[in-house]
Amino acid sequence: MIEPLGKRVVIQIAETEQVTESGFILPNSAQEKEQFGEIVAVGPDIEEKDNVNVGDKVYFKNYSGTEVEHQGTEYLIIEHKDLLAKISQ
């Protein structure tokens, strides 16, 4: 697993299929990346007051972070300050 440094988190970006009104399924390469996902790892400088934990679903700023691929899965490494909101269930 990827372990972020500092005040960063690793997010597995949510993948959704997009279907046009006429029923065509758009491939991921033709879509904009989603701006939400699930936190899979947190850096050592993340504190309890930062209110983020592994398993949280979050929204993040568009065009933020660094996309990486690890063992065939794409992740986003992003700074805590670029998180916008948690998704309640």
PDB file of N, CA and C in Angstrom:
ATOM      1  N   MET A   1       0.844  -1.185   0.000  1.00  0.00           N
ATOM      2  CA  MET A   1       0.000   0.000   0.000  1.00  0.00           C
ATOM      3  C   MET A   1       0.886   1.243   0.000  1.00  0.00           C
ATOM      4  N   ILE A   2       0.340   2.313  -0.472  1.00  0.00           N
ATOM      5  CA  ILE A   2       1.033   3.600  -0.509  1.00  0.00           C
ATOM      6  C   ILE A   2       0.833   4.289   0.840  1.00  0.00           C
ATOM      7  N   GLU A   3       1.913   4.791   1.424  1.00  0.00           N
ATOM      8  CA  GLU A   3       1.835   5.535   2.682  1.00  0.00           C
ATOM      9  C   GLU A   3       2.216   6.987   2.407  1.00  0.00           C
ATOM     10  N   PRO A   4       1.257   7.908   2.523  1.00  0.00           N
ATOM     11  CA  PRO A   4       1.559   9.313   2.248  1.00  0.00           C
ATOM     12  C   PRO A   4       2.433   9.927   3.329  1.00  0.00           C
ATOM     13  N   LEU A   5       3.162  10.941   2.961  1.00  0.00           N
ATOM     14  CA  LEU A   5       4.014  11.672   3.897  1.00  0.00           C
ATOM     15  C   LEU A   5       3.334  12.974   4.300  1.00  0.00           C
ATOM     16  N   GLY A   6       3.726  13.507   5.449  1.00  0.00           N
ATOM     17  CA  GLY A   6       3.216  14.799   5.880  1.00  0.00           C
ATOM     18  C   GLY A   6       1.721  14.793   6.102  1.00  0.00           C
ATOM     19  N   LYS A   7       1.095  15.870   5.687  1.00  0.00           N
ATOM     20  CA  LYS A   7      -0.342  16.058   5.882  1.00  0.00           C
ATOM     21  C   LYS A   7      -1.079  15.764   4.583  1.00  0.00           C
ATOM     22  N   ARG A   8      -0.817  14.580   4.043  1.00  0.00           N
ATOM     23  CA  ARG A   8      -1.439  14.159   2.786  1.00  0.00           C
ATOM     24  C   ARG A   8      -2.293  12.923   3.025  1.00  0.00           C
ATOM     25  N   VAL A   9      -3.221  12.689   2.106  1.00  0.00           N
ATOM     26  CA  VAL A   9      -4.031  11.472   2.132  1.00  0.00           C
ATOM     27  C   VAL A   9      -3.969  10.820   0.759  1.00  0.00           C
ATOM     28  N   VAL A  10      -4.206   9.521   0.733  1.00  0.00           N
ATOM     29  CA  VAL A  10      -4.309   8.786  -0.524  1.00  0.00           C
ATOM     30  C   VAL A  10      -5.774   8.465  -0.729  1.00  0.00           C
ATOM     31  N   ILE A  11      -6.285   8.804  -1.910  1.00  0.00           N
ATOM     32  CA  ILE A  11      -7.698   8.613  -2.234  1.00  0.00           C
ATOM     33  C   ILE A  11      -7.824   7.676  -3.420  1.00  0.00           C
ATOM     34  N   GLN A  12      -8.720   6.705  -3.289  1.00  0.00           N
ATOM     35  CA  GLN A  12      -9.089   5.898  -4.444  1.00  0.00           C
ATOM     36  C   GLN A  12     -10.284   6.606  -5.068  1.00  0.00           C
ATOM     37  N   ILE A  13     -10.082   7.115  -6.278  1.00  0.00           N
ATOM     38  CA  ILE A  13     -11.106   7.914  -6.940  1.00  0.00           C
ATOM     39  C   ILE A  13     -12.274   7.026  -7.339  1.00  0.00           C
ATOM     40  N   ALA A  14     -13.485   7.514  -7.081  1.00  0.00           N
ATOM     41  CA  ALA A  14     -14.692   6.774  -7.437  1.00  0.00           C
ATOM     42  C   ALA A  14     -14.820   6.706  -8.955  1.00  0.00           C
ATOM     43  N   GLU A  15     -15.164   5.535  -9.438  1.00  0.00           N
ATOM     44  CA  GLU A  15     -15.385   5.377 -10.875  1.00  0.00           C
ATOM     45  C   GLU A  15     -16.869   5.189 -11.117  1.00  0.00           C
ATOM     46  N   THR A  16     -17.402   6.000 -11.991  1.00  0.00           N
ATOM     47  CA  THR A  16     -18.812   5.889 -12.339  1.00  0.00           C
ATOM     48  C   THR A  16     -18.931   5.820 -13.852  1.00  0.00           C
ATOM     49  N   GLU A  17     -19.904   5.039 -14.306  1.00  0.00           N
ATOM     50  CA  GLU A  17     -20.166   5.000 -15.737  1.00  0.00           C
ATOM     51  C   GLU A  17     -21.123   6.131 -16.067  1.00  0.00           C
ATOM     52  N   GLN A  18     -20.887   6.745 -17.189  1.00  0.00           N
ATOM     53  CA  GLN A  18     -21.777   7.811 -17.611  1.00  0.00           C
ATOM     54  C   GLN A  18     -22.483   7.340 -18.872  1.00  0.00           C
ATOM     55  N   VAL A  19     -23.801   7.436 -18.854  1.00  0.00           N
ATOM     56  CA  VAL A  19     -24.611   7.007 -19.988  1.00  0.00           C
ATOM     57  C   VAL A  19     -25.284   8.238 -20.574  1.00  0.00           C
ATOM     58  N   THR A  20     -25.173   8.382 -21.891  1.00  0.00           N
ATOM     59  CA  THR A  20     -25.808   9.519 -22.555  1.00  0.00           C
ATOM     60  C   THR A  20     -27.317   9.299 -22.614  1.00  0.00           C
ATOM     61  N   GLU A  21     -28.056  10.355 -22.988  1.00  0.00           N
ATOM     62  CA  GLU A  21     -29.508  10.243 -23.091  1.00  0.00           C
ATOM     63  C   GLU A  21     -29.931   9.182 -24.105  1.00  0.00           C
ATOM     64  N   SER A  22     -29.109   8.954 -25.129  1.00  0.00           N
ATOM     65  CA  SER A  22     -29.449   7.957 -26.138  1.00  0.00           C
ATOM     66  C   SER A  22     -28.985   6.550 -25.754  1.00  0.00           C
ATOM     67  N   GLY A  23     -28.378   6.402 -24.570  1.00  0.00           N
ATOM     68  CA  GLY A  23     -28.030   5.074 -24.085  1.00  0.00           C
ATOM     69  C   GLY A  23     -26.589   4.646 -24.312  1.00  0.00           C
ATOM     70  N   PHE A  24     -25.751   5.512 -24.866  1.00  0.00           N
ATOM     71  CA  PHE A  24     -24.345   5.163 -25.069  1.00  0.00           C
ATOM     72  C   PHE A  24     -23.585   5.302 -23.756  1.00  0.00           C
ATOM     73  N   ILE A  25     -22.736   4.327 -23.474  1.00  0.00           N
ATOM     74  CA  ILE A  25     -21.891   4.386 -22.291  1.00  0.00           C
ATOM     75  C   ILE A  25     -20.581   5.036 -22.692  1.00  0.00           C
ATOM     76  N   LEU A  26     -20.224   6.134 -21.999  1.00  0.00           N
ATOM     77  CA  LEU A  26     -18.980   6.829 -22.302  1.00  0.00           C
ATOM     78  C   LEU A  26     -17.823   6.145 -21.567  1.00  0.00           C
ATOM     79  N   PRO A  27     -16.733   5.857 -22.257  1.00  0.00           N
ATOM     80  CA  PRO A  27     -15.575   5.269 -21.572  1.00  0.00           C
ATOM     81  C   PRO A  27     -14.950   6.281 -20.630  1.00  0.00           C
ATOM     82  N   ASN A  28     -14.210   5.777 -19.634  1.00  0.00           N
ATOM     83  CA  ASN A  28     -13.575   6.667 -18.652  1.00  0.00           C
ATOM     84  C   ASN A  28     -12.684   7.705 -19.299  1.00  0.00           C
ATOM     85  N   SER A  29     -12.036   7.348 -20.404  1.00  0.00           N
ATOM     86  CA  SER A  29     -11.122   8.284 -21.062  1.00  0.00           C
ATOM     87  C   SER A  29     -11.854   9.476 -21.668  1.00  0.00           C
ATOM     88  N   ALA A  30     -13.155   9.363 -21.883  1.00  0.00           N
ATOM     89  CA  ALA A  30     -13.926  10.443 -22.480  1.00  0.00           C
ATOM     90  C   ALA A  30     -14.626  11.307 -21.427  1.00  0.00           C
ATOM     91  N   GLN A  31     -14.449  10.951 -20.170  1.00  0.00           N
ATOM     92  CA  GLN A  31     -15.124  11.670 -19.103  1.00  0.00           C
ATOM     93  C   GLN A  31     -14.124  12.472 -18.282  1.00  0.00           C
ATOM     94  N   GLU A  32     -14.650  13.469 -17.591  1.00  0.00           N
ATOM     95  CA  GLU A  32     -13.825  14.175 -16.613  1.00  0.00           C
ATOM     96  C   GLU A  32     -13.693  13.272 -15.400  1.00  0.00           C
ATOM     97  N   LYS A  33     -12.579  13.373 -14.707  1.00  0.00           N
ATOM     98  CA  LYS A  33     -12.382  12.595 -13.481  1.00  0.00           C
ATOM     99  C   LYS A  33     -13.368  13.058 -12.424  1.00  0.00           C
ATOM    100  N   GLU A  34     -13.850  12.105 -11.645  1.00  0.00           N
ATOM    101  CA  GLU A  34     -14.739  12.440 -10.537  1.00  0.00           C
ATOM    102  C   GLU A  34     -13.961  13.218  -9.489  1.00  0.00           C
ATOM    103  N   GLN A  35     -14.642  14.015  -8.720  1.00  0.00           N
ATOM    104  CA  GLN A  35     -14.007  14.815  -7.683  1.00  0.00           C
ATOM    105  C   GLN A  35     -14.328  14.276  -6.300  1.00  0.00           C
ATOM    106  N   PHE A  36     -14.602  12.975  -6.219  1.00  0.00           N
ATOM    107  CA  PHE A  36     -14.818  12.369  -4.920  1.00  0.00           C
ATOM    108  C   PHE A  36     -14.261  10.957  -4.928  1.00  0.00           C
ATOM    109  N   GLY A  37     -13.996  10.471  -3.738  1.00  0.00           N
ATOM    110  CA  GLY A  37     -13.456   9.131  -3.606  1.00  0.00           C
ATOM    111  C   GLY A  37     -13.350   8.743  -2.143  1.00  0.00           C
ATOM    112  N   GLU A  38     -12.670   7.619  -1.901  1.00  0.00           N
ATOM    113  CA  GLU A  38     -12.534   7.101  -0.545  1.00  0.00           C
ATOM    114  C   GLU A  38     -11.087   7.187  -0.084  1.00  0.00           C
ATOM    115  N   ILE A  39     -10.879   7.681   1.120  1.00  0.00           N
ATOM    116  CA  ILE A  39      -9.535   7.759   1.685  1.00  0.00           C
ATOM    117  C   ILE A  39      -9.076   6.348   2.042  1.00  0.00           C
ATOM    118  N   VAL A  40      -7.905   5.961   1.527  1.00  0.00           N
ATOM    119  CA  VAL A  40      -7.368   4.629   1.806  1.00  0.00           C
ATOM    120  C   VAL A  40      -6.124   4.688   2.685  1.00  0.00           C
ATOM    121  N   ALA A  41      -5.531   5.864   2.868  1.00  0.00           N
ATOM    122  CA  ALA A  41      -4.367   6.023   3.748  1.00  0.00           C
ATOM    123  C   ALA A  41      -4.231   7.491   4.128  1.00  0.00           C
ATOM    124  N   VAL A  42      -3.737   7.736   5.347  1.00  0.00           N
ATOM    125  CA  VAL A  42      -3.495   9.106   5.803  1.00  0.00           C
ATOM    126  C   VAL A  42      -2.045   9.246   6.259  1.00  0.00           C
ATOM    127  N   GLY A  43      -1.490  10.439   6.062  1.00  0.00           N
ATOM    128  CA  GLY A  43      -0.115  10.716   6.439  1.00  0.00           C
ATOM    129  C   GLY A  43       0.063  10.829   7.946  1.00  0.00           C
ATOM    130  N   PRO A  44       1.302  10.753   8.403  1.00  0.00           N
ATOM    131  CA  PRO A  44       1.585  10.779   9.836  1.00  0.00           C
ATOM    132  C   PRO A  44       1.300  12.126  10.509  1.00  0.00           C
ATOM    133  N   ASP A  45       1.214  13.192   9.752  1.00  0.00           N
ATOM    134  CA  ASP A  45       0.955  14.508  10.335  1.00  0.00           C
ATOM    135  C   ASP A  45      -0.530  14.849  10.425  1.00  0.00           C
ATOM    136  N   ILE A  46      -1.390  13.953   9.953  1.00  0.00           N
ATOM    137  CA  ILE A  46      -2.834  14.165  10.078  1.00  0.00           C
ATOM    138  C   ILE A  46      -3.195  13.953  11.547  1.00  0.00           C
ATOM    139  N   GLU A  47      -3.887  14.933  12.123  1.00  0.00           N
ATOM    140  CA  GLU A  47      -4.256  14.874  13.538  1.00  0.00           C
ATOM    141  C   GLU A  47      -5.744  14.604  13.682  1.00  0.00           C
ATOM    142  N   GLU A  48      -6.151  14.235  14.899  1.00  0.00           N
ATOM    143  CA  GLU A  48      -7.556  13.954  15.163  1.00  0.00           C
ATOM    144  C   GLU A  48      -8.435  15.160  14.823  1.00  0.00           C
ATOM    145  N   LYS A  49      -7.923  16.371  15.084  1.00  0.00           N
ATOM    146  CA  LYS A  49      -8.701  17.594  14.814  1.00  0.00           C
ATOM    147  C   LYS A  49      -8.933  17.818  13.315  1.00  0.00           C
ATOM    148  N   ASP A  50      -8.137  17.144  12.454  1.00  0.00           N
ATOM    149  CA  ASP A  50      -8.322  17.273  11.007  1.00  0.00           C
ATOM    150  C   ASP A  50      -9.572  16.539  10.529  1.00  0.00           C
ATOM    151  N   ASN A  51     -10.081  15.625  11.365  1.00  0.00           N
ATOM    152  CA  ASN A  51     -11.361  14.975  11.125  1.00  0.00           C
ATOM    153  C   ASN A  51     -11.427  14.180   9.822  1.00  0.00           C
ATOM    154  N   VAL A  52     -10.341  13.507   9.448  1.00  0.00           N
ATOM    155  CA  VAL A  52     -10.360  12.594   8.302  1.00  0.00           C
ATOM    156  C   VAL A  52      -9.734  11.267   8.719  1.00  0.00           C
ATOM    157  N   ASN A  53     -10.342  10.183   8.246  1.00  0.00           N
ATOM    158  CA  ASN A  53      -9.892   8.844   8.588  1.00  0.00           C
ATOM    159  C   ASN A  53      -9.958   7.939   7.372  1.00  0.00           C
ATOM    160  N   VAL A  54      -9.233   6.849   7.427  1.00  0.00           N
ATOM    161  CA  VAL A  54      -9.319   5.840   6.379  1.00  0.00           C
ATOM    162  C   VAL A  54     -10.771   5.372   6.310  1.00  0.00           C
ATOM    163  N   GLY A  55     -11.283   5.255   5.105  1.00  0.00           N
ATOM    164  CA  GLY A  55     -12.666   4.827   4.892  1.00  0.00           C
ATOM    165  C   GLY A  55     -13.636   5.967   4.653  1.00  0.00           C
ATOM    166  N   ASP A  56     -13.221   7.202   4.965  1.00  0.00           N
ATOM    167  CA  ASP A  56     -14.089   8.360   4.716  1.00  0.00           C
ATOM    168  C   ASP A  56     -14.233   8.589   3.214  1.00  0.00           C
ATOM    169  N   LYS A  57     -15.447   8.933   2.808  1.00  0.00           N
ATOM    170  CA  LYS A  57     -15.686   9.344   1.422  1.00  0.00           C
ATOM    171  C   LYS A  57     -15.670  10.870   1.414  1.00  0.00           C
ATOM    172  N   VAL A  58     -14.896  11.427   0.482  1.00  0.00           N
ATOM    173  CA  VAL A  58     -14.670  12.875   0.491  1.00  0.00           C
ATOM    174  C   VAL A  58     -14.755  13.465  -0.907  1.00  0.00           C
ATOM    175  N   TYR A  59     -15.070  14.769  -0.940  1.00  0.00           N
ATOM    176  CA  TYR A  59     -14.939  15.574  -2.150  1.00  0.00           C
ATOM    177  C   TYR A  59     -13.621  16.322  -2.050  1.00  0.00           C
ATOM    178  N   PHE A  60     -12.978  16.550  -3.204  1.00  0.00           N
ATOM    179  CA  PHE A  60     -11.714  17.285  -3.210  1.00  0.00           C
ATOM    180  C   PHE A  60     -11.707  18.258  -4.368  1.00  0.00           C
ATOM    181  N   LYS A  61     -10.781  19.229  -4.294  1.00  0.00           N
ATOM    182  CA  LYS A  61     -10.676  20.263  -5.326  1.00  0.00           C
ATOM    183  C   LYS A  61     -10.336  19.650  -6.682  1.00  0.00           C
ATOM    184  N   ASN A  62     -10.903  20.239  -7.712  1.00  0.00           N
ATOM    185  CA  ASN A  62     -10.596  19.825  -9.074  1.00  0.00           C
ATOM    186  C   ASN A  62      -9.146  20.174  -9.398  1.00  0.00           C
ATOM    187  N   TYR A  63      -8.459  19.337 -10.123  1.00  0.00           N
ATOM    188  CA  TYR A  63      -7.070  19.534 -10.558  1.00  0.00           C
ATOM    189  C   TYR A  63      -6.093  19.618  -9.387  1.00  0.00           C
ATOM    190  N   SER A  64      -6.383  18.957  -8.294  1.00  0.00           N
ATOM    191  CA  SER A  64      -5.447  18.959  -7.174  1.00  0.00           C
ATOM    192  C   SER A  64      -4.831  17.577  -7.015  1.00  0.00           C
ATOM    193  N   GLY A  65      -3.701  17.536  -6.345  1.00  0.00           N
ATOM    194  CA  GLY A  65      -3.050  16.271  -6.060  1.00  0.00           C
ATOM    195  C   GLY A  65      -2.276  15.698  -7.232  1.00  0.00           C
ATOM    196  N   THR A  66      -1.740  14.504  -6.987  1.00  0.00           N
ATOM    197  CA  THR A  66      -0.951  13.797  -7.986  1.00  0.00           C
ATOM    198  C   THR A  66      -1.532  12.407  -8.196  1.00  0.00           C
ATOM    199  N   GLU A  67      -1.830  12.080  -9.438  1.00  0.00           N
ATOM    200  CA  GLU A  67      -2.351  10.751  -9.743  1.00  0.00           C
ATOM    201  C   GLU A  67      -1.198   9.768  -9.857  1.00  0.00           C
ATOM    202  N   VAL A  68      -1.350   8.603  -9.218  1.00  0.00           N
ATOM    203  CA  VAL A  68      -0.356   7.542  -9.292  1.00  0.00           C
ATOM    204  C   VAL A  68      -1.067   6.217  -9.513  1.00  0.00           C
ATOM    205  N   GLU A  69      -0.344   5.273 -10.096  1.00  0.00           N
ATOM    206  CA  GLU A  69      -0.874   3.922 -10.250  1.00  0.00           C
ATOM    207  C   GLU A  69      -0.004   2.991  -9.429  1.00  0.00           C
ATOM    208  N   HIS A  70      -0.646   2.162  -8.615  1.00  0.00           N
ATOM    209  CA  HIS A  70       0.069   1.219  -7.758  1.00  0.00           C
ATOM    210  C   HIS A  70      -0.635  -0.120  -7.832  1.00  0.00           C
ATOM    211  N   GLN A  71       0.080  -1.129  -8.269  1.00  0.00           N
ATOM    212  CA  GLN A  71      -0.449  -2.484  -8.406  1.00  0.00           C
ATOM    213  C   GLN A  71      -1.752  -2.513  -9.199  1.00  0.00           C
ATOM    214  N   GLY A  72      -1.783  -1.756 -10.290  1.00  0.00           N
ATOM    215  CA  GLY A  72      -2.921  -1.767 -11.202  1.00  0.00           C
ATOM    216  C   GLY A  72      -4.104  -0.908 -10.787  1.00  0.00           C
ATOM    217  N   THR A  73      -4.002  -0.195  -9.673  1.00  0.00           N
ATOM    218  CA  THR A  73      -5.095   0.655  -9.214  1.00  0.00           C
ATOM    219  C   THR A  73      -4.626   2.104  -9.220  1.00  0.00           C
ATOM    220  N   GLU A  74      -5.512   3.009  -9.674  1.00  0.00           N
ATOM    221  CA  GLU A  74      -5.160   4.422  -9.700  1.00  0.00           C
ATOM    222  C   GLU A  74      -5.577   5.099  -8.403  1.00  0.00           C
ATOM    223  N   TYR A  75      -4.680   5.906  -7.882  1.00  0.00           N
ATOM    224  CA  TYR A  75      -4.910   6.651  -6.647  1.00  0.00           C
ATOM    225  C   TYR A  75      -4.582   8.116  -6.880  1.00  0.00           C
ATOM    226  N   LEU A  76      -5.036   8.946  -5.954  1.00  0.00           N
ATOM    227  CA  LEU A  76      -4.709  10.361  -5.946  1.00  0.00           C
ATOM    228  C   LEU A  76      -4.076  10.672  -4.593  1.00  0.00           C
ATOM    229  N   ILE A  77      -2.869  11.237  -4.614  1.00  0.00           N
ATOM    230  CA  ILE A  77      -2.231  11.685  -3.389  1.00  0.00           C
ATOM    231  C   ILE A  77      -2.471  13.187  -3.309  1.00  0.00           C
ATOM    232  N   ILE A  78      -3.110  13.610  -2.232  1.00  0.00           N
ATOM    233  CA  ILE A  78      -3.584  14.983  -2.143  1.00  0.00           C
ATOM    234  C   ILE A  78      -3.299  15.547  -0.756  1.00  0.00           C
ATOM    235  N   GLU A  79      -3.054  16.843  -0.687  1.00  0.00           N
ATOM    236  CA  GLU A  79      -2.841  17.492   0.603  1.00  0.00           C
ATOM    237  C   GLU A  79      -4.173  17.663   1.330  1.00  0.00           C
ATOM    238  N   HIS A  80      -4.118  17.559   2.628  1.00  0.00           N
ATOM    239  CA  HIS A  80      -5.322  17.679   3.451  1.00  0.00           C
ATOM    240  C   HIS A  80      -6.088  18.968   3.156  1.00  0.00           C
ATOM    241  N   LYS A  81      -5.374  20.056   2.918  1.00  0.00           N
ATOM    242  CA  LYS A  81      -6.030  21.360   2.691  1.00  0.00           C
ATOM    243  C   LYS A  81      -6.872  21.381   1.421  1.00  0.00           C
ATOM    244  N   ASP A  82      -6.668  20.423   0.508  1.00  0.00           N
ATOM    245  CA  ASP A  82      -7.432  20.377  -0.736  1.00  0.00           C
ATOM    246  C   ASP A  82      -8.693  19.521  -0.639  1.00  0.00           C
ATOM    247  N   LEU A  83      -8.954  18.964   0.552  1.00  0.00           N
ATOM    248  CA  LEU A  83     -10.204  18.250   0.776  1.00  0.00           C
ATOM    249  C   LEU A  83     -11.297  19.280   1.026  1.00  0.00           C
ATOM    250  N   LEU A  84     -12.463  19.056   0.447  1.00  0.00           N
ATOM    251  CA  LEU A  84     -13.554  20.032   0.570  1.00  0.00           C
ATOM    252  C   LEU A  84     -14.624  19.609   1.560  1.00  0.00           C
ATOM    253  N   ALA A  85     -15.019  18.324   1.542  1.00  0.00           N
ATOM    254  CA  ALA A  85     -16.112  17.882   2.393  1.00  0.00           C
ATOM    255  C   ALA A  85     -16.130  16.369   2.514  1.00  0.00           C
ATOM    256  N   LYS A  86     -16.689  15.896   3.635  1.00  0.00           N
ATOM    257  CA  LYS A  86     -16.920  14.469   3.821  1.00  0.00           C
ATOM    258  C   LYS A  86     -18.342  14.164   3.384  1.00  0.00           C
ATOM    259  N   ILE A  87     -18.543  12.970   2.856  1.00  0.00           N
ATOM    260  CA  ILE A  87     -19.866  12.533   2.433  1.00  0.00           C
ATOM    261  C   ILE A  87     -20.447  11.659   3.543  1.00  0.00           C
ATOM    262  N   SER A  88     -21.546  12.107   4.149  1.00  0.00           N
ATOM    263  CA  SER A  88     -22.215  11.349   5.197  1.00  0.00           C
ATOM    264  C   SER A  88     -23.082  10.274   4.576  1.00  0.00           C
ATOM    265  N   GLN A  89     -23.273   9.216   5.339  1.00  0.00           N
ATOM    266  CA  GLN A  89     -24.098   8.114   4.791  1.00  0.00           C
ATOM    267  C   GLN A  89     -25.327   7.889   5.578  1.00  0.00           C
TER     268      GLN A  89
END
